[in-house]
Amino acid sequence: MNLVDILIWLIITGFVVKGFSKGLVRQICSLTGFLVGGWAAIKYHLYLAEASRHVIQLPHYLATILSFIFIFLITGVLFFLLGHFLTVMFRIVLLGGVNRLGGVALGFLEGAFIVCISLYMATSKPVPDKFKGYVQRAKTAAPFLEAGKDIVTGWGGMHDLLKPQPPAKGAKNSSNSKD
């Protein structure tokens, strides 16, 4: 067992402990708040920046940055509060134990995901070969490294799925047809 093996299990154990302490509901609300907050900030920060520039005299670039941060934080806080409210409801109906067990499972999955991606990145091109060999010699790294490779390969395939596809030969273009 080398240092990489120890780090793998420390990371996963940390996420499991976090999952147990927060519970499934708060974990899901936290993750959802992060994702929805990021999406909302990306989608709406320019609108808020433009509207707030007239109220608060700020340069455009600063208004844009502050708008992004504001939307991201407000959304995160709302989901944080929702998570706490739902956790209290779970305790009232005596499902606190189920909530914690679900949090452990989700924490394990989160930790494993981060380990998989981190190990894959630690063995990619810009990393020195000596370090790559050290990571690859770790006994517990192999399955996580393989899973990380599969995850990244899957993401690469998503890029192809998101590209606009040309219409098939012989297919009618619905925008040009008159029905």
C-alpha atoms as a PDB file:
ATOM      1  CA  MET A   1       0.000   0.000   0.000  1.00  0.00           C
ATOM      2  CA  ASN A   2       1.486   3.321  -1.048  1.00  0.00           C
ATOM      3  CA  LEU A   3       0.525   6.948  -0.485  1.00  0.00           C
ATOM      4  CA  VAL A   4      -1.909   6.942  -3.432  1.00  0.00           C
ATOM      5  CA  ASP A   5      -3.847   4.028  -1.881  1.00  0.00           C
ATOM      6  CA  ILE A   6      -4.080   5.877   1.418  1.00  0.00           C
ATOM      7  CA  LEU A   7      -5.242   9.084  -0.289  1.00  0.00           C
ATOM      8  CA  ILE A   8      -7.914   7.186  -2.244  1.00  0.00           C
ATOM      9  CA  TRP A   9      -9.426   5.758   0.917  1.00  0.00           C
ATOM     10  CA  LEU A  10      -9.109   9.025   2.843  1.00  0.00           C
ATOM     11  CA  ILE A  11     -11.020  10.879   0.113  1.00  0.00           C
ATOM     12  CA  ILE A  12     -13.761   8.253  -0.079  1.00  0.00           C
ATOM     13  CA  THR A  13     -14.020   8.024   3.712  1.00  0.00           C
ATOM     14  CA  GLY A  14     -14.268  11.813   3.946  1.00  0.00           C
ATOM     15  CA  PHE A  15     -17.157  11.862   1.493  1.00  0.00           C
ATOM     16  CA  VAL A  16     -18.884   8.985   3.325  1.00  0.00           C
ATOM     17  CA  VAL A  17     -18.596  10.866   6.631  1.00  0.00           C
ATOM     18  CA  LYS A  18     -19.887  14.031   4.950  1.00  0.00           C
ATOM     19  CA  GLY A  19     -22.804  12.030   3.523  1.00  0.00           C
ATOM     20  CA  PHE A  20     -23.623  10.582   6.939  1.00  0.00           C
ATOM     21  CA  SER A  21     -23.535  13.959   8.652  1.00  0.00           C
ATOM     22  CA  LYS A  22     -25.561  15.791   5.982  1.00  0.00           C
ATOM     23  CA  GLY A  23     -27.927  13.018   4.951  1.00  0.00           C
ATOM     24  CA  LEU A  24     -29.243  12.208   1.497  1.00  0.00           C
ATOM     25  CA  VAL A  25     -31.722  15.081   1.307  1.00  0.00           C
ATOM     26  CA  ARG A  26     -29.205  17.812   2.125  1.00  0.00           C
ATOM     27  CA  GLN A  27     -26.613  16.198  -0.156  1.00  0.00           C
ATOM     28  CA  ILE A  28     -29.054  16.162  -3.077  1.00  0.00           C
ATOM     29  CA  CYS A  29     -30.220  19.716  -2.375  1.00  0.00           C
ATOM     30  CA  SER A  30     -26.612  20.891  -2.164  1.00  0.00           C
ATOM     31  CA  LEU A  31     -25.680  19.236  -5.449  1.00  0.00           C
ATOM     32  CA  THR A  32     -28.865  20.454  -7.131  1.00  0.00           C
ATOM     33  CA  GLY A  33     -28.275  23.985  -5.851  1.00  0.00           C
ATOM     34  CA  PHE A  34     -24.763  23.915  -7.286  1.00  0.00           C
ATOM     35  CA  LEU A  35     -25.939  22.668 -10.691  1.00  0.00           C
ATOM     36  CA  VAL A  36     -29.063  24.844 -10.934  1.00  0.00           C
ATOM     37  CA  GLY A  37     -27.162  27.841  -9.570  1.00  0.00           C
ATOM     38  CA  GLY A  38     -24.471  27.410 -12.189  1.00  0.00           C
ATOM     39  CA  TRP A  39     -27.026  27.003 -14.959  1.00  0.00           C
ATOM     40  CA  ALA A  40     -29.091  30.000 -13.819  1.00  0.00           C
ATOM     41  CA  ALA A  41     -26.000  32.172 -13.402  1.00  0.00           C
ATOM     42  CA  ILE A  42     -24.760  31.294 -16.888  1.00  0.00           C
ATOM     43  CA  LYS A  43     -28.178  31.847 -18.442  1.00  0.00           C
ATOM     44  CA  TYR A  44     -29.292  35.033 -16.653  1.00  0.00           C
ATOM     45  CA  HIS A  45     -26.205  36.929 -15.440  1.00  0.00           C
ATOM     46  CA  LEU A  46     -26.091  39.194 -18.497  1.00  0.00           C
ATOM     47  CA  TYR A  47     -29.737  40.214 -18.028  1.00  0.00           C
ATOM     48  CA  LEU A  48     -29.171  41.021 -14.363  1.00  0.00           C
ATOM     49  CA  ALA A  49     -25.938  42.860 -15.166  1.00  0.00           C
ATOM     50  CA  GLU A  50     -27.703  45.042 -17.713  1.00  0.00           C
ATOM     51  CA  ALA A  51     -30.622  45.778 -15.371  1.00  0.00           C
ATOM     52  CA  SER A  52     -28.395  46.515 -12.366  1.00  0.00           C
ATOM     53  CA  ARG A  53     -25.986  48.774 -14.260  1.00  0.00           C
ATOM     54  CA  HIS A  54     -28.628  51.489 -14.373  1.00  0.00           C
ATOM     55  CA  VAL A  55     -29.385  51.197 -10.661  1.00  0.00           C
ATOM     56  CA  ILE A  56     -25.806  50.799  -9.444  1.00  0.00           C
ATOM     57  CA  GLN A  57     -23.229  52.668 -11.493  1.00  0.00           C
ATOM     58  CA  LEU A  58     -20.686  49.932 -12.241  1.00  0.00           C
ATOM     59  CA  PRO A  59     -18.549  49.141 -15.262  1.00  0.00           C
ATOM     60  CA  HIS A  60     -20.094  46.452 -17.473  1.00  0.00           C
ATOM     61  CA  TYR A  61     -17.440  43.818 -16.753  1.00  0.00           C
ATOM     62  CA  LEU A  62     -17.814  44.270 -12.986  1.00  0.00           C
ATOM     63  CA  ALA A  63     -21.618  44.198 -13.144  1.00  0.00           C
ATOM     64  CA  THR A  64     -21.402  40.986 -15.170  1.00  0.00           C
ATOM     65  CA  ILE A  65     -19.107  39.271 -12.661  1.00  0.00           C
ATOM     66  CA  LEU A  66     -21.133  40.399  -9.648  1.00  0.00           C
ATOM     67  CA  SER A  67     -24.399  39.339 -11.308  1.00  0.00           C
ATOM     68  CA  PHE A  68     -23.039  35.857 -11.962  1.00  0.00           C
ATOM     69  CA  ILE A  69     -21.863  35.489  -8.359  1.00  0.00           C
ATOM     70  CA  PHE A  70     -25.130  36.892  -6.978  1.00  0.00           C
ATOM     71  CA  ILE A  71     -27.355  34.507  -8.962  1.00  0.00           C
ATOM     72  CA  PHE A  72     -25.132  31.535  -8.142  1.00  0.00           C
ATOM     73  CA  LEU A  73     -25.077  32.306  -4.405  1.00  0.00           C
ATOM     74  CA  ILE A  74     -28.788  33.122  -4.071  1.00  0.00           C
ATOM     75  CA  THR A  75     -29.755  29.903  -5.834  1.00  0.00           C
ATOM     76  CA  GLY A  76     -27.349  27.930  -3.660  1.00  0.00           C
ATOM     77  CA  VAL A  77     -28.736  29.475  -0.468  1.00  0.00           C
ATOM     78  CA  LEU A  78     -32.319  28.691  -1.514  1.00  0.00           C
ATOM     79  CA  PHE A  79     -31.476  25.032  -2.104  1.00  0.00           C
ATOM     80  CA  PHE A  80     -29.492  24.959   1.154  1.00  0.00           C
ATOM     81  CA  LEU A  81     -32.554  26.188   3.056  1.00  0.00           C
ATOM     82  CA  LEU A  82     -34.779  23.710   1.215  1.00  0.00           C
ATOM     83  CA  GLY A  83     -32.412  20.895   2.208  1.00  0.00           C
ATOM     84  CA  HIS A  84     -32.541  21.877   5.874  1.00  0.00           C
ATOM     85  CA  PHE A  85     -36.328  22.161   5.805  1.00  0.00           C
ATOM     86  CA  LEU A  86     -36.732  18.741   4.174  1.00  0.00           C
ATOM     87  CA  THR A  87     -34.246  17.177   6.603  1.00  0.00           C
ATOM     88  CA  VAL A  88     -36.317  18.459   9.530  1.00  0.00           C
ATOM     89  CA  MET A  89     -39.415  16.965   7.893  1.00  0.00           C
ATOM     90  CA  PHE A  90     -37.617  13.621   7.553  1.00  0.00           C
ATOM     91  CA  ARG A  91     -36.740  13.671  11.255  1.00  0.00           C
ATOM     92  CA  ILE A  92     -40.343  14.446  12.188  1.00  0.00           C
ATOM     93  CA  VAL A  93     -41.634  11.412  10.271  1.00  0.00           C
ATOM     94  CA  LEU A  94     -38.815   9.294  11.761  1.00  0.00           C
ATOM     95  CA  LEU A  95     -36.921   8.753   8.513  1.00  0.00           C
ATOM     96  CA  GLY A  96     -33.691  10.324   9.764  1.00  0.00           C
ATOM     97  CA  GLY A  97     -31.849   6.979   9.691  1.00  0.00           C
ATOM     98  CA  VAL A  98     -32.890   6.305   6.109  1.00  0.00           C
ATOM     99  CA  ASN A  99     -31.791   9.821   5.202  1.00  0.00           C
ATOM    100  CA  ARG A 100     -28.356   9.217   6.739  1.00  0.00           C
ATOM    101  CA  LEU A 101     -27.897   5.820   5.045  1.00  0.00           C
ATOM    102  CA  GLY A 102     -28.792   7.384   1.712  1.00  0.00           C
ATOM    103  CA  GLY A 103     -26.293  10.134   2.460  1.00  0.00           C
ATOM    104  CA  VAL A 104     -23.585   7.519   3.075  1.00  0.00           C
ATOM    105  CA  ALA A 105     -24.342   5.871  -0.278  1.00  0.00           C
ATOM    106  CA  LEU A 106     -24.341   9.180  -2.151  1.00  0.00           C
ATOM    107  CA  GLY A 107     -21.193  10.290  -0.316  1.00  0.00           C
ATOM    108  CA  PHE A 108     -19.433   7.092  -1.377  1.00  0.00           C
ATOM    109  CA  LEU A 109     -20.487   7.636  -4.995  1.00  0.00           C
ATOM    110  CA  GLU A 110     -19.351  11.281  -4.933  1.00  0.00           C
ATOM    111  CA  GLY A 111     -15.993  10.355  -3.439  1.00  0.00           C
ATOM    112  CA  ALA A 112     -15.481   7.503  -5.897  1.00  0.00           C
ATOM    113  CA  PHE A 113     -16.370   9.801  -8.805  1.00  0.00           C
ATOM    114  CA  ILE A 114     -13.834  12.415  -7.700  1.00  0.00           C
ATOM    115  CA  VAL A 115     -11.172   9.731  -7.199  1.00  0.00           C
ATOM    116  CA  CYS A 116     -11.884   8.260 -10.658  1.00  0.00           C
ATOM    117  CA  ILE A 117     -11.571  11.592 -12.444  1.00  0.00           C
ATOM    118  CA  SER A 118      -8.543  12.664 -10.376  1.00  0.00           C
ATOM    119  CA  LEU A 119      -6.662   9.427 -11.054  1.00  0.00           C
ATOM    120  CA  TYR A 120      -7.448   9.608 -14.746  1.00  0.00           C
ATOM    121  CA  MET A 121      -6.145  13.179 -14.870  1.00  0.00           C
ATOM    122  CA  ALA A 122      -3.065  12.143 -12.859  1.00  0.00           C
ATOM    123  CA  THR A 123      -2.166   9.663 -15.607  1.00  0.00           C
ATOM    124  CA  SER A 124      -2.888  11.893 -18.606  1.00  0.00           C
ATOM    125  CA  LYS A 125      -0.359  13.512 -20.961  1.00  0.00           C
ATOM    126  CA  PRO A 126       1.062  16.548 -19.160  1.00  0.00           C
ATOM    127  CA  VAL A 127       1.870  14.559 -15.994  1.00  0.00           C
ATOM    128  CA  PRO A 128       5.460  13.213 -15.735  1.00  0.00           C
ATOM    129  CA  ASP A 129       5.904   9.476 -16.428  1.00  0.00           C
ATOM    130  CA  LYS A 130       7.474   8.872 -13.008  1.00  0.00           C
ATOM    131  CA  PHE A 131       4.339  10.155 -11.261  1.00  0.00           C
ATOM    132  CA  LYS A 132       2.075   8.185 -13.621  1.00  0.00           C
ATOM    133  CA  GLY A 133       3.966   5.002 -12.720  1.00  0.00           C
ATOM    134  CA  TYR A 134       3.580   5.732  -9.017  1.00  0.00           C
ATOM    135  CA  VAL A 135      -0.194   6.127  -9.434  1.00  0.00           C
ATOM    136  CA  GLN A 136      -0.489   3.017 -11.603  1.00  0.00           C
ATOM    137  CA  ARG A 137       1.420   0.894  -9.048  1.00  0.00           C
ATOM    138  CA  ALA A 138      -1.134   1.680  -6.330  1.00  0.00           C
ATOM    139  CA  LYS A 139      -3.130  -1.487  -5.590  1.00  0.00           C
ATOM    140  CA  THR A 140      -6.524   0.159  -5.226  1.00  0.00           C
ATOM    141  CA  ALA A 141      -6.054   2.660  -8.053  1.00  0.00           C
ATOM    142  CA  ALA A 142      -6.629   0.266 -10.984  1.00  0.00           C
ATOM    143  CA  PRO A 143     -10.455  -0.018 -10.836  1.00  0.00           C
ATOM    144  CA  PHE A 144     -10.854   3.703 -10.139  1.00  0.00           C
ATOM    145  CA  LEU A 145      -8.450   4.575 -12.947  1.00  0.00           C
ATOM    146  CA  GLU A 146     -10.328   2.338 -15.395  1.00  0.00           C
ATOM    147  CA  ALA A 147     -13.664   3.842 -14.332  1.00  0.00           C
ATOM    148  CA  GLY A 148     -12.228   7.351 -14.751  1.00  0.00           C
ATOM    149  CA  LYS A 149     -11.109   6.463 -18.261  1.00  0.00           C
ATOM    150  CA  ASP A 150     -14.614   5.152 -19.065  1.00  0.00           C
ATOM    151  CA  ILE A 151     -16.241   8.295 -17.657  1.00  0.00           C
ATOM    152  CA  VAL A 152     -14.027  10.647 -19.654  1.00  0.00           C
ATOM    153  CA  THR A 153     -14.474   8.540 -22.796  1.00  0.00           C
ATOM    154  CA  GLY A 154     -18.240   8.705 -22.266  1.00  0.00           C
ATOM    155  CA  TRP A 155     -18.079  12.482 -21.978  1.00  0.00           C
ATOM    156  CA  GLY A 156     -16.168  12.597 -25.246  1.00  0.00           C
ATOM    157  CA  GLY A 157     -18.992  10.625 -26.866  1.00  0.00           C
ATOM    158  CA  MET A 158     -21.494  13.145 -25.527  1.00  0.00           C
ATOM    159  CA  HIS A 159     -19.721  15.813 -27.557  1.00  0.00           C
ATOM    160  CA  ASP A 160     -20.598  13.888 -30.729  1.00  0.00           C
ATOM    161  CA  LEU A 161     -24.214  13.458 -29.619  1.00  0.00           C
ATOM    162  CA  LEU A 162     -24.633  17.190 -29.064  1.00  0.00           C
ATOM    163  CA  LYS A 163     -23.415  18.165 -32.539  1.00  0.00           C
ATOM    164  CA  PRO A 164     -26.195  19.158 -34.948  1.00  0.00           C
ATOM    165  CA  GLN A 165     -26.793  16.281 -37.342  1.00  0.00           C
ATOM    166  CA  PRO A 166     -27.472  16.903 -41.038  1.00  0.00           C
ATOM    167  CA  PRO A 167     -30.899  15.730 -42.188  1.00  0.00           C
ATOM    168  CA  ALA A 168     -31.003  12.224 -43.622  1.00  0.00           C
ATOM    169  CA  LYS A 169     -31.111  11.883 -47.398  1.00  0.00           C
ATOM    170  CA  GLY A 170     -34.638  11.991 -48.701  1.00  0.00           C
ATOM    171  CA  ALA A 171     -35.992  13.488 -45.468  1.00  0.00           C
ATOM    172  CA  LYS A 172     -38.256  16.487 -45.886  1.00  0.00           C
ATOM    173  CA  ASN A 173     -37.176  19.722 -44.300  1.00  0.00           C
ATOM    174  CA  SER A 174     -40.197  20.682 -42.203  1.00  0.00           C
ATOM    175  CA  SER A 175     -39.363  24.401 -42.324  1.00  0.00           C
ATOM    176  CA  ASN A 176     -39.523  24.476 -46.140  1.00  0.00           C
ATOM    177  CA  SER A 177     -42.546  22.256 -46.645  1.00  0.00           C
ATOM    178  CA  LYS A 178     -45.985  23.765 -46.983  1.00  0.00           C
ATOM    179  CA  ASP A 179     -48.663  21.594 -45.465  1.00  0.00           C
END
